Protein backbone atom coordinates (compact mmCIF):
# COMPACT_ATOMS: atom_id res chain seq x y z
CA UNK A 1 15.53 1.24 -14.82
CA UNK A 2 16.88 -1.70 -13.15
CA UNK A 3 14.78 -4.96 -12.76
CA UNK A 4 15.69 -8.02 -10.87
CA UNK A 5 14.04 -10.70 -12.86
CA UNK A 6 15.80 -11.98 -15.93
CA UNK A 7 12.38 -11.98 -18.09
CA UNK A 8 9.23 -9.83 -17.94
CA UNK A 9 6.37 -12.33 -17.26
CA UNK A 10 2.65 -11.76 -16.63
CA UNK A 11 2.40 -11.91 -12.56
CA UNK A 12 -0.88 -11.76 -11.09
CA UNK A 13 -4.30 -11.25 -12.52
CA UNK A 14 -6.48 -8.25 -12.24
CA UNK A 15 -5.90 -4.84 -10.90
CA UNK A 16 -8.28 -1.80 -10.42
CA UNK A 17 -6.69 1.53 -11.09
CA UNK A 18 -8.92 4.30 -9.41
CA UNK A 19 -9.67 7.87 -10.94
CA UNK A 20 -6.51 9.32 -9.52
CA UNK A 21 -4.13 6.74 -10.90
CA UNK A 22 -5.82 6.99 -14.39
CA UNK A 23 -5.13 10.74 -14.28
CA UNK A 24 -1.41 10.00 -13.34
CA UNK A 25 -1.29 7.72 -16.21
CA UNK A 26 -2.77 10.37 -18.52
CA UNK A 27 0.31 12.47 -17.41
CA UNK A 28 2.29 9.59 -19.12
CA UNK A 29 -0.09 9.48 -22.28
CA UNK A 30 -0.97 6.08 -21.55
CA UNK A 31 -4.31 6.26 -19.95
CA UNK A 32 -6.40 5.74 -23.23
CA UNK A 33 -4.17 2.68 -24.16
CA UNK A 34 -4.81 1.18 -20.62
CA UNK A 35 -8.71 1.73 -20.74
CA UNK A 36 -8.82 0.28 -24.06
CA UNK A 37 -7.19 -2.89 -22.75
CA UNK A 38 -9.47 -3.16 -19.79
CA UNK A 39 -12.85 -2.19 -18.47
CA UNK A 40 -14.24 1.27 -17.17
CA UNK A 41 -15.86 0.83 -13.87
CA UNK A 42 -18.38 3.47 -12.62
CA UNK A 43 -18.82 2.10 -9.32
CA UNK A 44 -17.95 -0.46 -6.73
CA UNK A 45 -20.75 -2.10 -4.70
CA UNK A 46 -20.19 -3.24 -1.19
CA UNK A 47 -22.90 -6.03 -0.28
CA UNK A 48 -23.72 -8.60 2.47
CA UNK A 49 -22.98 -12.15 1.84
CA UNK A 50 -26.69 -12.63 0.82
CA UNK A 51 -26.52 -9.66 -1.68
CA UNK A 52 -27.99 -6.94 0.29
CA UNK A 53 -26.51 -3.59 -0.77
CA UNK A 54 -24.66 -2.06 2.13
CA UNK A 55 -22.70 0.95 0.26
CA UNK A 56 -21.87 2.02 -3.18
CA UNK A 57 -18.86 3.56 -4.14
CA UNK A 58 -19.92 5.83 -7.24
CA UNK A 59 -16.73 7.08 -9.31
CA UNK A 60 -18.88 8.36 -12.07
CA UNK A 61 -20.41 11.45 -10.26
CA UNK A 62 -17.36 12.97 -8.62
CA UNK A 63 -15.25 12.32 -11.73
CA UNK A 64 -17.73 14.32 -13.75
CA UNK A 65 -18.17 17.14 -11.02
CA UNK A 66 -14.24 17.57 -11.02
CA UNK A 67 -14.14 17.30 -15.01
CA UNK A 68 -11.55 14.24 -14.88
CA UNK A 69 -10.98 12.32 -18.21
CA UNK A 70 -11.26 8.80 -16.72
CA UNK A 71 -13.04 6.90 -14.11
CA UNK A 72 -11.72 3.63 -12.63
CA UNK A 73 -10.26 1.04 -15.00
CA UNK A 74 -9.96 -2.62 -14.22
CA UNK A 75 -7.46 -4.46 -16.22
CA UNK A 76 -5.26 -7.47 -16.46
CA UNK A 77 -1.69 -6.83 -14.76
CA UNK A 78 0.10 -8.23 -17.96
CA UNK A 79 -1.84 -5.79 -20.18
CA UNK A 80 -1.01 -2.79 -18.02
CA UNK A 81 2.64 -3.98 -17.97
CA UNK A 82 2.68 -4.44 -21.69
CA UNK A 83 1.27 -0.72 -22.31
CA UNK A 84 3.94 0.75 -19.89
CA UNK A 85 6.77 -1.42 -21.36
CA UNK A 86 5.78 -0.15 -24.90
CA UNK A 87 6.15 3.47 -23.67
CA UNK A 88 9.67 3.15 -22.61
CA UNK A 89 12.90 3.05 -25.03
CA UNK A 90 14.14 -0.65 -25.14
CA UNK A 91 17.43 0.73 -23.62
CA UNK A 92 15.79 2.18 -20.57
CA UNK A 93 15.09 -1.32 -18.97
CA UNK A 94 17.79 -3.36 -17.73
CA UNK A 95 16.74 -7.11 -16.60
CA UNK A 96 18.54 -9.27 -14.53
CA UNK A 97 19.78 -6.74 -12.27
CA UNK A 98 19.06 -7.58 -8.59
CA UNK A 99 19.83 -4.90 -6.26
CA UNK A 100 21.73 -6.08 -2.84
CA UNK A 101 22.29 -2.79 -1.35
CA UNK A 102 22.72 0.95 -1.72
CA UNK A 103 25.18 3.59 -0.72
CA UNK A 104 23.25 7.09 -0.39
CA UNK A 105 26.37 9.07 -0.06
CA UNK A 106 27.61 8.41 -3.53
CA UNK A 107 25.00 7.37 -4.53
CA UNK A 108 25.57 3.99 -5.69
CA UNK A 109 23.72 0.73 -6.16
CA UNK A 110 25.22 -2.63 -5.76
CA UNK A 111 23.88 -5.70 -7.68
CA UNK A 112 23.82 -9.56 -6.97
CA UNK A 113 26.35 -9.98 -10.12
CA UNK A 114 28.90 -7.87 -8.24
CA UNK A 115 28.51 -4.93 -10.34
CA UNK A 116 27.81 -1.39 -9.22
CA UNK A 117 26.09 1.73 -10.73
CA UNK A 118 26.62 5.34 -9.46
CA UNK A 119 23.50 7.40 -10.92
CA UNK A 120 22.77 11.14 -9.68
CA UNK A 121 19.56 9.84 -7.88
CA UNK A 122 18.35 6.35 -6.79
CA UNK A 123 14.36 5.56 -6.72
CA UNK A 124 13.63 2.66 -4.82
CA UNK A 125 10.40 1.33 -6.37
CA UNK A 126 11.05 -2.24 -5.13
CA UNK A 127 8.09 -3.38 -3.41
CA UNK A 128 6.90 -3.89 0.29
CA UNK A 129 10.05 -6.03 0.86
CA UNK A 130 12.31 -3.08 -0.49
CA UNK A 131 16.08 -3.35 -0.41
CA UNK A 132 16.53 0.29 -0.86
CA UNK A 133 14.24 0.86 2.17
CA UNK A 134 16.81 -0.71 4.55
CA UNK A 135 19.32 1.93 3.95
CA UNK A 136 16.57 4.69 4.58
CA UNK A 137 14.59 2.80 7.55
CA UNK A 138 16.68 -0.09 8.68
CA UNK A 139 14.17 -1.26 11.19
CA UNK A 140 11.15 -1.11 9.05
CA UNK A 141 9.13 -4.43 8.40
CA UNK A 142 6.23 -5.31 6.48
CA UNK A 143 3.09 -5.88 8.69
CA UNK A 144 0.90 -8.87 8.30
CA UNK A 145 -2.66 -7.44 8.24
CA UNK A 146 -4.55 -10.21 9.60
CA UNK A 147 -5.87 -11.95 6.33
CA UNK A 148 -5.05 -13.92 3.57
CA UNK A 149 -6.18 -13.45 0.07
CA UNK A 150 -6.90 -15.76 -2.92
CA UNK A 151 -6.87 -14.47 -6.51
CA UNK A 152 -8.16 -16.33 -9.48
CA UNK A 153 -9.31 -15.49 -12.98
CA UNK A 154 -11.97 -17.02 -15.04
CA UNK A 155 -13.93 -17.09 -18.42
CA UNK A 156 -16.63 -14.64 -18.18
CA UNK A 157 -18.69 -16.09 -21.00
CA UNK A 158 -20.97 -18.38 -19.07
CA UNK A 159 -21.53 -16.01 -16.18
CA UNK A 160 -24.35 -14.10 -17.40
CA UNK A 161 -25.10 -12.25 -14.12
CA UNK A 162 -21.57 -10.55 -14.18
CA UNK A 163 -22.15 -6.63 -15.10
CA UNK A 164 -19.63 -3.82 -15.81
CA UNK A 165 -19.43 -2.85 -12.08
CA UNK A 166 -17.26 -4.18 -9.42
CA UNK A 167 -18.58 -6.03 -6.42
CA UNK A 168 -17.50 -6.72 -2.90
CA UNK A 169 -19.55 -9.24 -0.58
CA UNK A 170 -18.73 -9.15 3.15
CA UNK A 171 -19.60 -12.16 5.52
CA UNK A 172 -18.13 -12.36 9.03
CA UNK A 173 -14.32 -12.50 8.79
CA UNK A 174 -14.52 -13.58 5.13
CA UNK A 175 -15.32 -11.42 1.79
CA UNK A 176 -15.37 -11.95 -1.82
CA UNK A 177 -15.00 -9.41 -4.65
CA UNK A 178 -14.82 -9.29 -8.38
CA UNK A 179 -14.67 -7.19 -11.43
CA UNK A 180 -14.34 -8.05 -15.19
CA UNK A 181 -10.83 -7.09 -16.70
CA UNK A 182 -11.91 -7.29 -20.26
CA UNK A 183 -15.02 -8.78 -22.26
CA UNK A 184 -13.92 -12.31 -21.75
CA UNK A 185 -12.37 -12.50 -18.21
CA UNK A 186 -13.46 -11.79 -14.75
CA UNK A 187 -10.89 -11.30 -11.65
CA UNK A 188 -11.97 -12.28 -8.45
CA UNK A 189 -10.28 -12.15 -4.95
CA UNK A 190 -11.24 -13.66 -1.50
CA UNK A 191 -9.90 -12.97 1.79
CA UNK A 192 -10.12 -14.87 4.80
CA UNK A 193 -9.52 -13.73 8.65
CA UNK A 194 -6.40 -16.10 9.84
CA UNK A 195 -4.20 -15.34 13.03
CA UNK A 196 -1.37 -16.72 10.87
CA UNK A 197 -0.97 -17.38 7.17
CA UNK A 198 -0.04 -20.96 8.03
CA UNK A 199 -3.32 -21.80 9.39
CA UNK A 200 -5.62 -20.35 6.37
CA UNK A 201 -7.63 -22.61 4.10
CA UNK A 202 -5.87 -24.40 1.25
CA UNK A 203 -5.75 -22.68 -2.13
CA UNK A 204 -8.31 -25.14 -3.89
CA UNK A 205 -11.71 -24.46 -5.33
CA UNK A 206 -13.25 -27.20 -3.20
CA UNK A 207 -11.84 -25.49 0.08
CA UNK A 208 -13.09 -22.19 -1.08
CA UNK A 209 -16.29 -23.52 -2.17
CA UNK A 210 -16.66 -24.55 1.63
CA UNK A 211 -15.71 -21.40 3.04
CA UNK A 212 -18.01 -19.45 0.56
CA UNK A 213 -21.01 -21.98 0.58
CA UNK A 214 -23.46 -19.46 2.10
CA UNK A 215 -22.49 -16.38 -0.26
CA UNK A 216 -24.75 -15.37 -3.00
CA UNK A 217 -24.33 -15.79 -6.81
CA UNK A 218 -22.22 -15.36 -8.78
CA UNK A 219 -19.68 -15.99 -5.85
CA UNK A 220 -20.12 -19.78 -5.96
CA UNK A 221 -19.90 -19.71 -9.77
CA UNK A 222 -16.66 -17.95 -9.90
CA UNK A 223 -14.91 -20.31 -7.44
CA UNK A 224 -16.26 -23.33 -9.29
CA UNK A 225 -15.10 -22.13 -12.71
CA UNK A 226 -11.45 -21.52 -11.36
CA UNK A 227 -8.70 -24.37 -11.95
CA UNK A 228 -6.85 -25.24 -8.60
CA UNK A 229 -3.49 -24.75 -10.56
CA UNK A 230 -4.21 -21.03 -11.22
CA UNK A 231 -5.35 -19.95 -7.67
CA UNK A 232 -2.90 -17.63 -6.16
CA UNK A 233 -2.40 -17.27 -2.23
CA UNK A 234 -0.81 -14.68 -0.22
CA UNK A 235 -1.09 -13.06 3.08
CA UNK A 236 -2.10 -9.38 2.97
CA UNK A 237 0.61 -6.86 4.36
CA UNK A 238 1.15 -3.32 4.73
CA UNK A 239 3.97 -1.01 6.08
CA UNK A 240 3.97 0.71 9.24
CA UNK A 241 4.48 4.59 8.82
CA UNK A 242 8.08 5.52 8.14
CA UNK A 243 9.62 8.66 9.54
CA UNK A 244 10.74 9.54 6.30
CA UNK A 245 11.37 8.26 2.60
CA UNK A 246 14.68 10.06 1.59
CA UNK A 247 18.27 9.76 2.66
CA UNK A 248 20.53 12.13 0.65
CA UNK A 249 19.95 11.25 -2.92
CA UNK A 250 18.05 7.92 -2.28
CA UNK A 251 14.19 7.99 -2.03
CA UNK A 252 11.30 5.55 -2.14
CA UNK A 253 8.18 5.12 -4.20
CA UNK A 254 5.24 3.14 -4.28
CA UNK A 255 4.94 0.23 -2.04
CA UNK A 256 8.57 0.49 -0.94
CA UNK A 257 7.19 3.74 0.79
CA UNK A 258 3.69 3.30 1.73
CA UNK A 259 2.61 -0.46 1.04
CA UNK A 260 -1.11 -0.58 2.00
CA UNK A 261 -3.75 -3.23 1.86
CA UNK A 262 -6.11 -3.33 -1.12
CA UNK A 263 -9.40 -2.14 0.90
CA UNK A 264 -9.63 1.18 -1.02
CA UNK A 265 -8.22 0.02 -4.33
CA UNK A 266 -5.55 2.86 -3.98
CA UNK A 267 -2.30 0.87 -3.73
CA UNK A 268 -1.28 1.36 -7.46
CA UNK A 269 -3.09 4.73 -7.68
CA UNK A 270 -0.70 6.00 -5.01
CA UNK A 271 2.42 4.67 -6.62
CA UNK A 272 1.47 6.43 -9.88
CA UNK A 273 0.86 9.62 -8.18
CA UNK A 274 4.31 9.34 -6.61
CA UNK A 275 5.70 8.66 -10.07
CA UNK A 276 4.01 12.02 -11.52
CA UNK A 277 5.05 14.04 -8.38
CA UNK A 278 8.59 12.73 -8.36
CA UNK A 279 9.10 13.71 -12.09
CA UNK A 280 7.49 17.27 -11.80
CA UNK A 281 10.08 17.65 -8.60
CA UNK A 282 13.12 16.51 -10.66
CA UNK A 283 11.82 18.62 -13.75
CA UNK A 284 11.94 21.81 -11.23
CA UNK A 285 15.10 20.97 -9.00
CA UNK A 286 17.28 19.03 -11.20
CA UNK A 287 18.56 15.59 -10.05
CA UNK A 288 19.14 16.73 -6.41
CA UNK A 289 18.35 16.20 -2.77
CA UNK A 290 16.06 19.18 -3.09
CA UNK A 291 13.81 17.27 -5.73
CA UNK A 292 13.31 14.39 -3.48
CA UNK A 293 12.68 16.43 -0.27
CA UNK A 294 9.97 18.40 -2.25
CA UNK A 295 8.61 15.03 -3.59
CA UNK A 296 8.22 13.67 -0.03
CA UNK A 297 6.73 16.77 1.25
CA UNK A 298 4.21 16.83 -1.55
CA UNK A 299 3.39 13.18 -1.05
CA UNK A 300 3.87 11.63 2.21
CA UNK A 301 0.68 13.19 4.18
CA UNK A 302 -1.65 12.11 1.57
CA UNK A 303 -0.33 8.72 0.85
CA UNK A 304 -0.20 7.88 4.38
CA UNK A 305 -3.66 9.06 5.09
CA UNK A 306 -4.91 6.80 2.67
CA UNK A 307 -2.78 4.06 4.05
CA UNK A 308 -4.68 4.55 7.33
CA UNK A 309 -8.03 4.65 5.98
CA UNK A 310 -7.22 1.44 4.11
CA UNK A 311 -6.14 -0.25 7.28
CA UNK A 312 -9.42 1.04 8.91
CA UNK A 313 -11.64 -0.30 6.19
CA UNK A 314 -9.90 -3.90 6.46
CA UNK A 315 -10.62 -3.99 10.16
CA UNK A 316 -14.14 -3.26 9.29
CA UNK A 317 -14.16 -6.09 6.92
CA UNK A 318 -12.55 -8.52 9.36
CA UNK A 319 -15.33 -8.40 12.25
CA UNK A 320 -16.33 -11.87 12.96
CA UNK A 321 -18.58 -11.57 15.97
CA UNK A 322 -22.40 -11.36 14.58
CA UNK A 323 -23.47 -8.48 16.79
CA UNK A 324 -20.74 -6.36 15.52
CA UNK A 325 -21.03 -7.38 12.04
CA UNK A 326 -24.77 -6.41 12.33
CA UNK A 327 -23.90 -3.01 13.62
CA UNK A 328 -21.29 -2.57 11.02
CA UNK A 329 -23.61 -3.47 8.19
CA UNK A 330 -26.36 -1.19 9.59
CA UNK A 331 -23.84 1.78 9.78
CA UNK A 332 -22.65 1.31 6.14
CA UNK A 333 -26.30 1.21 4.97
CA UNK A 334 -27.25 4.50 6.60
CA UNK A 335 -24.30 6.30 5.63
CA UNK A 336 -25.48 9.51 3.70
CA UNK A 337 -24.30 9.33 0.05
CA UNK A 338 -23.03 13.09 0.30
CA UNK A 339 -20.55 11.79 3.11
CA UNK A 340 -19.48 8.94 0.75
CA UNK A 341 -19.07 11.05 -2.34
CA UNK A 342 -16.87 13.57 -0.24
CA UNK A 343 -14.72 10.51 0.74
CA UNK A 344 -14.33 9.35 -2.63
CA UNK A 345 -13.54 12.83 -3.85
CA UNK A 346 -10.69 13.23 -1.42
CA UNK A 347 -9.07 10.14 -2.60
CA UNK A 348 -9.32 10.83 -6.21
CA UNK A 349 -8.23 14.40 -6.11
CA UNK A 350 -4.84 15.16 -7.28
CA UNK A 351 -2.43 18.17 -7.08
CA UNK A 352 -1.04 17.83 -10.60
């Protein structure tokens, strides 16, 4: 595994791993270790900015029905990275290896230091701005999703109204969510609709407090408890659907293939599913183009279906006009629970 950075440092704050992602981690024998570091989340509640329940996303019922071993787990990204790193042999990871190009015919990987490697297969797991993807889909570019997101991490001790569930509050063109990542810390995220990332509010607790002044507790308390220097601000992006993920003995995995907005908490889970299916395909067909083709056949439709669903959910969240927001909220409140369960089951069902 070749990693561009010279040092593995904690990046970001929290991450929610859906039950299907946890099933994938179970295949790697690390699911229990991840759950020990994080918090098991039975459900995510979607609410209005005033706190009225719109829609619960229940994980416990479908997980129990399908006999799965894990529900959703919220964990700090640094803890997840640590668990995965500890599972690898030290010589498997090479740092300071920034990829600048790939030749699918050999295949060969070119690095910024002038060196080149010629493996049997090349797996591009290099994110939404993938260098490897340029070899497979040269014209593809990430798409700005119309929102800027702010992320923070706070001490949970003084926030007595935080429970062991996830919650997301929707206003008009703004939303705010949170979940605990361990017994002491809460991760929060806030998104604001903006035609361009350049015109979004400044990443300070004062500016965000103004933006979310009409939201119910604990939203104002979480913002007030956050140091300005720790707030991360990034534009939300995803990818257009690619014609294919594979070229000869080179393929894509995770965000490099199907970067999606975080609206359904499925980005990490879909990447983990990719990894398991790819490993199974290589185990069956060897380090061959056939293995990569079989992997793409099993994964592409499912990942892209969830990408589309996440995009639709994001558009609903971005509604700014009062009458449309009222219609949206009413529709969510009256969505049958059986339909919600079927939707959740379709997302967490895996074929391994």
